[in-house]
Each structure stands twice: as structure tokens, then as C-alpha cells.
Amino acid sequence: MNPGAWRPAIAMASRNLRRNRVRTVLAVLGVCIGVLAVAVLGIFGNVLALGADDAIGDIGTQVVLSPNADAGVESLSEADIAAIRRAVGEPAVVPLYSDGAVVSGPTEQGFATVYGVEQPGIAFEAAEGRVPERHRQGAILGAGLAADLDVGVGDRVEVAGGQTRVVAVLAESQTFSPVAPDDAVFLPESAFAADGYDQVLVVSETGGEARAAADAVRESVNDREERVDVFELAAIVDEIDEFFDLLGTFLLGLGGISLVVAGVSILNVMLMSTVERRQEIGVMRAVGVTRRDVLRVLLAEAGLIGAIGAAIGTALTVLIVAALVAATPAVDAAIVLDPTNGYYLLLALGFGVGVGLVSGAYPAWKAANERPVEALRS
């Protein structure tokens, strides 16, 4: 493309658009609304997806294994734990005893799940105190249970009739899991006299590693007998991601309808413009202006309508997003200002310009290919 050949075409196109300001403004407004709809709805869908990912947290990196009661397996033995560790390889394996008991603080009491765990630091983080690498003594309380009992690190609680000191309070969990730490208390394994483990938590670095670990357990540990039930949290994450992908596509489709309407508006404007200027175009062709030059001028008009409308729509989108961040404290600014949202701004901008050019292509081609004599006769 020769930029020099387009400069006079753009200058003439700009002059022609100013000759009929009302029609031009209405066409630009249609593109602006379409671009605004695509950008805002696209960013809205992306913010929902990012917010869901943030709320889910690291759920996709965990796999929960439990005895398969249907196969008559009541608990998981040391041999089962060893087989699970061989199967999964790198991910950490955290076996758990579990039971229920009344837990009492100085003034409050409640029923809670009690877990026995040797290495709680692999799977859980503390909000108060420190989660020990090897859990030998004391109790670790979930955030919800500690709040209900009104206790903190250093206080004493009674678990199933026995007194113990709170050594840590876990950070509040933001995810769903069969191992729910918020309303639980974690004791050393020595507090349990059970013969086997009730659950095993496999903690991976990534969702892909967790999927591989789950598949390895199915293929290895459950090869001859399905001894363990595999609860793969990454599968839930995949379903959530698929839902938000579908939602984002749907929202973009709604915004795209507005751009289609804007395209029809530009098509109508350009067709009316070429009809009204038929004799003018005929004179231009008669004095030696080439078809290519006529085509350039009319495409430049349509492109300018699309570009101006797209630019205004994109600018309005930025202002709306900024106002949303400023006026809504509940909205996380980091999520709204995530760089991936910029993709929807560029997408809407490109669509706006593209709609203008596509809509103006037919009227421009029709006008450029009309015979000068027929145009002058009209």
C-alpha cells in the first residue's frame, strides 16, 4: 500500500463527511455504541472469569483420595499410602485421619471435624502462629472454628475431653474441598488410634501436575482393584473455565449484534452518499480520475466513520472501567485492570474499523465501476 496515494483520498473523504454532518454523526454514533458494547461486555465477562479464578485459588492443584466403600475398603493402609506416593511422584502426599468431636474454648463450644496429620505445612498456611513441619503437639484451628470459639494462638481448647494448646490458626480458605479446614481442628497423628487413614490429600504445584497425579493413581493404585475414590478438583476448575469461556463468547456475540447494526447503518449512509453524488463521481471519472482513486476516496470515508466511532467507543469504555473501579469498592482493581482486558479494547477497536471498511466496500466498488456517461446522464 502506497501511503502517498491515500493522503489526498483521506483529505477528500474528510471533506465529504463534513458536508453532511448529521448523517456522519449518526453513523459514527452507531459504530461507537457497537464498539462500546463489545468492549464493555468482553471486559465484563473476562472480569467474571478472573474473579472466579481468584476465588477458586489453588483448588485445581489438589487431588483428594478416599477409601472406596463400594469395594469394601474402609481405610487406607500404609501400603496404600506408599503405593500412592510411588504413583504420583513429585506431588506431596498428605495422609489424614478424620473424626468428629466437640471442641470447647473458654466460653464457647461447637462440633467440628478433627483431622490427624503429620505434615500440615505442606497443604495449609497459617494466619496466626506457625504451622509446624512435623506436627507433634498442640492443635491447629481453622479460621472459622477459631472465630466461633473466640480463641487464638496460645489459648487452650478442649477436644473430645482432652486439653491442648492452640499453636496456629489457619488462613481462611477461599476454595471448596472435601477437606474443609475452616471449621476443623488438626491434631498430631498420635492423637488417633485408628488402623488406617480416612483421606489422602495430594498437593501439586500446577493443575496439570494434579491431573497427571490423579491419572497415575487410577492407572496404578486402582489397576487391579478400585481401592480409592479419586476426587479431582482440577476437573471442577476445567468445567468452571469452560462455563466462563462460553459466557464470554455469548457476551461478545451480544455486543457483535450492535456492530452489525452499525455496519448496516454505514452501508446505508455510503449507498445514499454515492447515489446523491453520482454526477459528481461521473465528472471525476470523465476528467481522468481512475476507478482506483474513486474507490480509495469512498473506502476512506467508510474507514473514517469506523475509526472515529471505534476510537470514541474505546475511550468511553476506558472511562466506564475507571469509574467502575473508583465507585465500586467491592470490585478488585487488580482484576479490572488486568492486562488481558486490553485484548477486548483492541478487539473492539479493530472490529469497529473493520465494520466500516467492510460496509463501505460494496458502495465504493459500485460507484467506482459505474460508467461515467451513465452517471452524467442521471
Protein backbone atom coordinates (compact mmCIF):
# COMPACT_ATOMS: atom_id res chain seq x y z
CA MET A 1 0.00 0.00 0.00
CA ASN A 2 1.32 3.42 -1.01
CA PRO A 3 0.67 5.92 1.84
CA GLY A 4 1.13 8.85 -0.53
CA ALA A 5 -1.78 7.71 -2.70
CA TRP A 6 -4.10 7.57 0.31
CA ARG A 7 -3.37 11.05 1.70
CA PRO A 8 -5.42 13.01 -0.86
CA ALA A 9 -8.15 10.35 -0.68
CA ILE A 10 -8.40 10.75 3.09
CA ALA A 11 -8.42 14.54 2.81
CA MET A 12 -11.24 14.44 0.25
CA ALA A 13 -13.13 11.84 2.29
CA SER A 14 -12.89 14.06 5.37
CA ARG A 15 -14.27 16.99 3.41
CA ASN A 16 -17.13 14.90 2.04
CA LEU A 17 -18.10 13.70 5.52
CA ARG A 18 -18.20 17.27 6.82
CA ARG A 19 -20.62 18.20 4.04
CA ASN A 20 -23.32 16.08 5.66
CA ARG A 21 -22.52 16.30 9.34
CA VAL A 22 -25.80 14.92 10.72
CA ARG A 23 -25.65 11.72 8.69
CA THR A 24 -21.97 11.27 9.53
CA VAL A 25 -22.54 11.81 13.26
CA LEU A 26 -25.35 9.25 13.32
CA ALA A 27 -23.20 6.67 11.54
CA VAL A 28 -20.28 7.35 13.91
CA LEU A 29 -22.64 7.05 16.88
CA GLY A 30 -23.79 3.62 15.69
CA VAL A 31 -20.19 2.38 15.47
CA CYS A 32 -19.40 3.96 18.85
CA ILE A 33 -22.29 2.12 20.53
CA GLY A 34 -21.30 -1.17 18.90
CA VAL A 35 -17.64 -0.85 19.93
CA LEU A 36 -18.68 0.18 23.45
CA ALA A 37 -20.95 -2.88 23.72
CA VAL A 38 -18.25 -5.30 22.51
CA ALA A 39 -15.54 -3.84 24.75
CA VAL A 40 -17.64 -3.48 27.91
CA LEU A 41 -19.31 -6.89 27.62
CA GLY A 42 -15.99 -8.56 26.74
CA ILE A 43 -14.24 -6.98 29.72
CA PHE A 44 -17.21 -7.79 31.97
CA GLY A 45 -17.03 -11.48 31.01
CA ASN A 46 -13.26 -11.53 31.48
CA VAL A 47 -13.52 -9.85 34.90
CA LEU A 48 -16.03 -12.50 35.99
CA ALA A 49 -13.66 -15.26 34.84
CA LEU A 50 -10.65 -13.66 36.54
CA GLY A 51 -12.66 -13.14 39.72
CA ALA A 52 -13.73 -16.78 39.71
CA ASP A 53 -10.12 -17.91 39.21
CA ASP A 54 -9.04 -15.69 42.08
CA ALA A 55 -11.79 -17.04 44.35
CA ILE A 56 -11.05 -20.64 43.42
CA GLY A 57 -7.40 -20.11 44.27
CA ASP A 58 -5.29 -23.25 44.23
CA ILE A 59 -8.19 -25.71 44.21
CA GLY A 60 -7.03 -27.10 40.88
CA THR A 61 -3.73 -28.23 42.38
CA GLN A 62 -5.32 -30.68 44.84
CA VAL A 63 -6.49 -34.26 44.50
CA VAL A 64 -8.43 -35.88 47.35
CA LEU A 65 -8.29 -39.67 47.71
CA SER A 66 -10.58 -41.67 49.98
CA PRO A 67 -11.32 -45.37 50.57
CA ASN A 68 -13.75 -46.92 48.10
CA ALA A 69 -16.54 -48.12 50.38
CA ASP A 70 -18.30 -49.83 47.46
CA ALA A 71 -15.30 -52.15 47.13
CA GLY A 72 -15.31 -52.85 50.87
CA VAL A 73 -12.29 -50.66 51.62
CA GLU A 74 -12.84 -48.93 54.97
CA SER A 75 -9.49 -47.16 55.31
CA LEU A 76 -6.19 -46.69 53.53
CA SER A 77 -3.22 -48.60 54.90
CA GLU A 78 0.45 -47.68 54.99
CA ALA A 79 0.89 -49.90 51.93
CA ASP A 80 -1.77 -47.89 50.11
CA ILE A 81 -0.04 -44.64 51.05
CA ALA A 82 3.27 -45.99 49.79
CA ALA A 83 1.64 -47.07 46.52
CA ILE A 84 0.09 -43.60 46.12
CA ARG A 85 3.47 -41.93 46.69
CA ARG A 86 5.12 -44.16 44.08
CA ALA A 87 2.34 -43.43 41.61
CA VAL A 88 2.22 -39.62 41.90
CA GLY A 89 5.97 -38.98 42.14
CA GLU A 90 6.73 -35.30 42.80
CA PRO A 91 3.44 -34.02 44.33
CA ALA A 92 3.26 -34.10 48.12
CA VAL A 93 1.08 -36.79 49.70
CA VAL A 94 -0.60 -35.84 52.99
CA PRO A 95 -2.50 -38.73 54.67
CA LEU A 96 -5.23 -37.74 57.13
CA TYR A 97 -7.11 -39.38 59.95
CA SER A 98 -10.52 -37.84 60.49
CA ASP A 99 -13.24 -37.91 63.13
CA GLY A 100 -15.79 -35.62 64.73
CA ALA A 101 -15.70 -34.22 68.23
CA VAL A 102 -16.94 -31.43 70.47
CA VAL A 103 -14.35 -28.64 70.66
CA SER A 104 -14.63 -26.16 73.55
CA GLY A 105 -12.99 -22.80 74.16
CA PRO A 106 -13.04 -20.69 77.33
CA THR A 107 -16.63 -19.54 76.68
CA GLU A 108 -17.90 -21.26 73.54
CA GLN A 109 -18.07 -24.77 72.17
CA GLY A 110 -19.10 -26.50 68.97
CA PHE A 111 -18.90 -29.70 66.98
CA ALA A 112 -16.05 -29.85 64.46
CA THR A 113 -14.19 -32.22 62.19
CA VAL A 114 -10.94 -33.37 63.77
CA TYR A 115 -8.06 -34.33 61.49
CA GLY A 116 -4.88 -36.13 62.41
CA VAL A 117 -1.97 -35.02 60.25
CA GLU A 118 1.81 -35.33 60.47
CA GLN A 119 2.86 -32.68 57.92
CA PRO A 120 0.20 -29.94 57.85
CA GLY A 121 2.59 -27.31 56.47
CA ILE A 122 2.54 -28.97 53.04
CA ALA A 123 -1.14 -28.29 52.49
CA PHE A 124 -2.10 -25.40 54.79
CA GLU A 125 -0.93 -21.87 55.64
CA ALA A 126 -1.23 -20.05 58.94
CA ALA A 127 -2.84 -16.67 59.54
CA GLU A 128 -1.65 -16.69 63.18
CA GLY A 129 1.29 -18.58 64.62
CA ARG A 130 3.25 -21.08 62.52
CA VAL A 131 2.16 -24.36 61.00
CA PRO A 132 4.84 -26.88 62.12
CA GLU A 133 6.65 -29.02 59.56
CA ARG A 134 6.13 -32.01 61.84
CA HIS A 135 3.00 -31.86 63.95
CA ARG A 136 3.95 -33.34 67.33
CA GLN A 137 1.84 -31.44 69.83
CA GLY A 138 -0.86 -28.80 70.13
CA ALA A 139 -3.86 -28.02 67.97
CA ILE A 140 -4.15 -26.15 64.68
CA LEU A 141 -7.56 -24.49 64.27
CA GLY A 142 -9.34 -23.44 61.11
CA ALA A 143 -10.18 -19.75 60.76
CA GLY A 144 -13.93 -20.26 61.13
CA LEU A 145 -13.68 -22.52 64.18
CA ALA A 146 -11.22 -20.15 65.91
CA ALA A 147 -13.63 -17.25 65.35
CA ASP A 148 -16.60 -19.26 66.64
CA LEU A 149 -14.73 -20.29 69.80
CA ASP A 150 -13.13 -16.82 70.17
CA VAL A 151 -9.66 -18.29 70.65
CA GLY A 152 -6.23 -17.57 69.20
CA VAL A 153 -2.65 -18.79 69.32
CA GLY A 154 -1.63 -19.66 72.88
CA ASP A 155 -5.16 -20.29 74.15
CA ARG A 156 -6.19 -23.70 75.34
CA VAL A 157 -9.08 -25.68 73.88
CA GLU A 158 -10.70 -28.92 74.84
CA VAL A 159 -11.01 -31.53 72.09
CA ALA A 160 -13.06 -34.63 72.91
CA GLY A 161 -12.41 -34.12 76.61
CA GLY A 162 -8.65 -33.50 76.33
CA GLN A 163 -6.95 -30.15 76.85
CA THR A 164 -4.47 -28.85 74.27
CA ARG A 165 -2.89 -25.54 73.31
CA VAL A 166 -3.56 -23.74 70.03
CA VAL A 167 -0.26 -23.46 68.11
CA ALA A 168 -1.64 -21.92 64.90
CA VAL A 169 -4.80 -20.59 63.27
CA LEU A 170 -5.06 -21.33 59.55
CA ALA A 171 -5.67 -18.71 56.90
CA GLU A 172 -9.28 -18.57 55.73
CA SER A 173 -9.85 -20.96 52.85
CA GLN A 174 -11.22 -19.49 49.61
CA THR A 175 -11.92 -22.81 47.94
CA PHE A 176 -14.29 -25.74 48.14
CA SER A 177 -12.75 -29.08 49.05
CA PRO A 178 -13.83 -32.27 50.82
CA VAL A 179 -11.07 -31.43 53.30
CA ALA A 180 -12.64 -28.25 54.72
CA PRO A 181 -10.06 -26.63 57.01
CA ASP A 182 -12.06 -23.57 58.10
CA ASP A 183 -14.29 -25.44 60.56
CA ALA A 184 -11.80 -28.12 61.59
CA VAL A 185 -9.10 -28.76 64.14
CA PHE A 186 -5.84 -30.52 63.26
CA LEU A 187 -4.11 -32.72 65.85
CA PRO A 188 -0.97 -34.86 65.67
CA GLU A 189 -1.40 -38.38 64.30
CA SER A 190 -0.58 -39.72 67.75
CA ALA A 191 -3.97 -38.47 68.97
CA PHE A 192 -5.65 -41.16 66.83
CA ALA A 193 -5.63 -44.88 67.45
CA ALA A 194 -7.09 -45.84 64.06
CA ASP A 195 -5.56 -48.59 61.94
CA GLY A 196 -5.79 -46.74 58.63
CA TYR A 197 -6.18 -43.31 57.08
CA ASP A 198 -9.54 -41.84 56.10
CA GLN A 199 -8.33 -39.47 53.38
CA VAL A 200 -5.22 -38.57 51.42
CA LEU A 201 -4.57 -35.09 50.09
CA VAL A 202 -2.26 -34.86 47.07
CA VAL A 203 -0.87 -31.32 46.70
CA SER A 204 0.68 -30.36 43.35
CA GLU A 205 2.35 -27.24 42.00
CA THR A 206 0.06 -26.88 38.97
CA GLY A 207 -3.32 -28.05 37.73
CA GLY A 208 -1.64 -30.13 35.00
CA GLU A 209 0.51 -31.90 37.57
CA ALA A 210 -2.61 -32.62 39.65
CA ARG A 211 -4.38 -34.16 36.64
CA ALA A 212 -1.34 -36.32 35.94
CA ALA A 213 -1.27 -37.45 39.59
CA ALA A 214 -4.98 -38.37 39.50
CA ASP A 215 -4.49 -40.36 36.30
CA ALA A 216 -1.46 -42.12 37.79
CA VAL A 217 -3.49 -43.19 40.85
CA ARG A 218 -6.25 -44.58 38.66
CA GLU A 219 -3.81 -46.48 36.46
CA SER A 220 -1.50 -47.75 39.22
CA VAL A 221 -3.23 -47.94 42.61
CA ASN A 222 -6.60 -48.88 41.11
CA ASP A 223 -5.12 -51.14 38.44
CA ARG A 224 -6.37 -54.46 39.85
CA GLU A 225 -8.91 -53.25 42.38
CA GLU A 226 -10.52 -49.86 42.68
CA ARG A 227 -9.36 -49.24 46.23
CA VAL A 228 -9.57 -45.45 46.24
CA ASP A 229 -12.08 -42.88 45.10
CA VAL A 230 -10.38 -40.03 43.23
CA PHE A 231 -11.85 -36.56 43.68
CA GLU A 232 -10.05 -34.47 41.09
CA LEU A 233 -10.57 -30.80 41.87
CA ALA A 234 -8.91 -29.76 38.60
CA ALA A 235 -11.91 -31.21 36.74
CA ILE A 236 -14.16 -28.73 38.57
CA VAL A 237 -11.84 -25.89 37.58
CA ASP A 238 -11.98 -27.02 33.94
CA GLU A 239 -15.78 -27.01 33.99
CA ILE A 240 -15.82 -23.54 35.55
CA ASP A 241 -13.35 -22.26 32.94
CA GLU A 242 -15.47 -23.74 30.13
CA PHE A 243 -18.56 -22.03 31.54
CA PHE A 244 -16.87 -18.63 31.66
CA ASP A 245 -15.44 -19.12 28.16
CA LEU A 246 -18.97 -19.80 26.93
CA LEU A 247 -20.29 -16.80 28.86
CA GLY A 248 -17.59 -14.55 27.40
CA THR A 249 -18.38 -15.73 23.88
CA PHE A 250 -22.09 -15.11 24.47
CA LEU A 251 -21.47 -11.59 25.74
CA LEU A 252 -19.20 -10.81 22.80
CA GLY A 253 -21.92 -12.10 20.49
CA LEU A 254 -24.42 -9.68 22.06
CA GLY A 255 -22.00 -6.81 21.53
CA GLY A 256 -21.32 -8.00 17.99
CA ILE A 257 -25.01 -7.58 17.15
CA SER A 258 -24.64 -3.86 17.84
CA LEU A 259 -21.68 -3.70 15.48
CA VAL A 260 -23.66 -5.48 12.77
CA VAL A 261 -26.39 -2.86 13.15
CA ALA A 262 -23.72 -0.17 12.92
CA GLY A 263 -22.38 -1.82 9.76
CA VAL A 264 -25.81 -1.72 8.16
CA SER A 265 -26.02 1.96 9.09
CA ILE A 266 -22.69 2.68 7.40
CA LEU A 267 -23.77 0.68 4.35
CA ASN A 268 -26.93 2.77 4.14
CA VAL A 269 -25.01 6.03 4.55
CA MET A 270 -22.50 5.11 1.84
CA LEU A 271 -25.16 3.94 -0.59
CA MET A 272 -27.13 7.16 -0.13
CA SER A 273 -23.95 9.17 -0.46
CA THR A 274 -22.96 7.52 -3.74
CA VAL A 275 -26.47 7.97 -5.15
CA GLU A 276 -26.53 11.66 -4.22
CA ARG A 277 -23.03 12.22 -5.62
CA ARG A 278 -23.49 10.12 -8.73
CA GLN A 279 -22.98 13.04 -11.10
CA GLU A 280 -20.01 14.30 -9.07
CA ILE A 281 -18.38 10.88 -9.34
CA GLY A 282 -19.21 10.82 -13.07
CA VAL A 283 -17.46 14.18 -13.58
CA MET A 284 -14.42 12.93 -11.66
CA ARG A 285 -14.23 9.86 -13.87
CA ALA A 286 -14.75 11.96 -17.03
CA VAL A 287 -11.80 14.26 -16.24
CA GLY A 288 -9.43 11.35 -15.73
CA VAL A 289 -9.83 10.25 -12.11
CA THR A 290 -9.24 6.49 -12.09
CA ARG A 291 -11.52 3.86 -10.65
CA ARG A 292 -8.89 3.11 -8.05
CA ASP A 293 -8.87 6.74 -6.88
CA VAL A 294 -12.68 6.79 -6.57
CA LEU A 295 -12.52 3.52 -4.69
CA ARG A 296 -9.91 4.97 -2.32
CA VAL A 297 -11.99 8.05 -1.54
CA LEU A 298 -15.16 6.11 -0.75
CA LEU A 299 -13.32 3.46 1.28
CA ALA A 300 -11.58 6.25 3.17
CA GLU A 301 -14.97 7.75 4.05
CA ALA A 302 -16.26 4.45 5.40
CA GLY A 303 -12.96 3.80 7.17
CA LEU A 304 -13.01 7.22 8.83
CA ILE A 305 -16.54 6.65 10.11
CA GLY A 306 -15.48 3.29 11.56
CA ALA A 307 -12.20 4.61 13.00
CA ILE A 308 -13.74 7.68 14.65
CA GLY A 309 -16.61 5.65 16.12
CA ALA A 310 -14.21 2.94 17.31
CA ALA A 311 -11.87 5.46 18.93
CA ILE A 312 -14.70 7.20 20.78
CA GLY A 313 -16.21 3.87 21.86
CA THR A 314 -12.84 2.63 23.15
CA ALA A 315 -12.25 5.88 25.06
CA LEU A 316 -15.71 5.66 26.64
CA THR A 317 -15.01 2.06 27.64
CA VAL A 318 -11.82 3.13 29.44
CA LEU A 319 -13.75 5.85 31.27
CA ILE A 320 -16.52 3.42 32.27
CA VAL A 321 -13.99 0.89 33.57
CA ALA A 322 -12.16 3.62 35.53
CA ALA A 323 -15.45 4.82 37.01
CA LEU A 324 -16.33 1.24 37.97
CA VAL A 325 -13.06 0.83 39.84
CA ALA A 326 -13.44 4.20 41.58
CA ALA A 327 -17.12 3.86 42.52
CA THR A 328 -17.31 0.16 43.47
CA PRO A 329 -15.10 -0.79 46.43
CA ALA A 330 -16.17 -4.44 46.13
CA VAL A 331 -14.53 -4.69 42.68
CA ASP A 332 -10.87 -5.68 42.85
CA ALA A 333 -8.95 -3.04 40.89
CA ALA A 334 -6.18 -5.52 40.05
CA ILE A 335 -8.70 -7.78 38.28
CA VAL A 336 -10.38 -4.94 36.38
CA LEU A 337 -7.00 -3.52 35.32
CA ASP A 338 -5.61 -6.93 34.34
CA PRO A 339 -3.66 -6.66 31.03
CA THR A 340 -5.83 -9.37 29.46
CA ASN A 341 -8.73 -6.89 29.46
CA GLY A 342 -6.76 -4.79 26.99
CA TYR A 343 -7.34 -7.53 24.42
CA TYR A 344 -11.04 -6.68 24.35
CA LEU A 345 -10.28 -2.99 23.81
CA LEU A 346 -8.08 -3.84 20.82
CA LEU A 347 -10.64 -6.36 19.58
CA ALA A 348 -13.45 -3.82 19.71
CA LEU A 349 -11.27 -1.15 18.10
CA GLY A 350 -10.33 -3.49 15.26
CA PHE A 351 -13.92 -4.62 14.79
CA GLY A 352 -15.11 -1.01 14.59
CA VAL A 353 -12.63 -0.08 11.86
CA GLY A 354 -13.23 -3.39 10.06
CA VAL A 355 -17.00 -2.94 10.07
CA GLY A 356 -16.58 0.48 8.49
CA LEU A 357 -14.35 -0.82 5.70
CA VAL A 358 -16.45 -3.91 5.00
CA SER A 359 -19.70 -1.94 4.96
CA GLY A 360 -18.25 0.65 2.59
CA ALA A 361 -16.67 -1.89 0.22
CA TYR A 362 -19.78 -2.59 -1.89
CA PRO A 363 -20.93 1.04 -2.33
CA ALA A 364 -17.33 2.03 -3.20
CA TRP A 365 -16.97 -0.78 -5.73
CA LYS A 366 -20.34 0.01 -7.27
CA ALA A 367 -19.56 3.72 -7.63
CA ALA A 368 -16.04 3.15 -8.97
CA ASN A 369 -17.23 0.74 -11.65
CA GLU A 370 -20.13 2.80 -12.95
CA ARG A 371 -19.60 4.17 -16.46
CA PRO A 372 -19.03 7.96 -16.44
CA VAL A 373 -21.52 8.56 -19.29
CA GLU A 374 -24.35 6.83 -17.40
CA ALA A 375 -23.51 8.72 -14.23
CA LEU A 376 -23.57 12.09 -16.03
CA ARG A 377 -26.87 11.30 -17.76
CA SER A 378 -28.54 10.70 -14.41
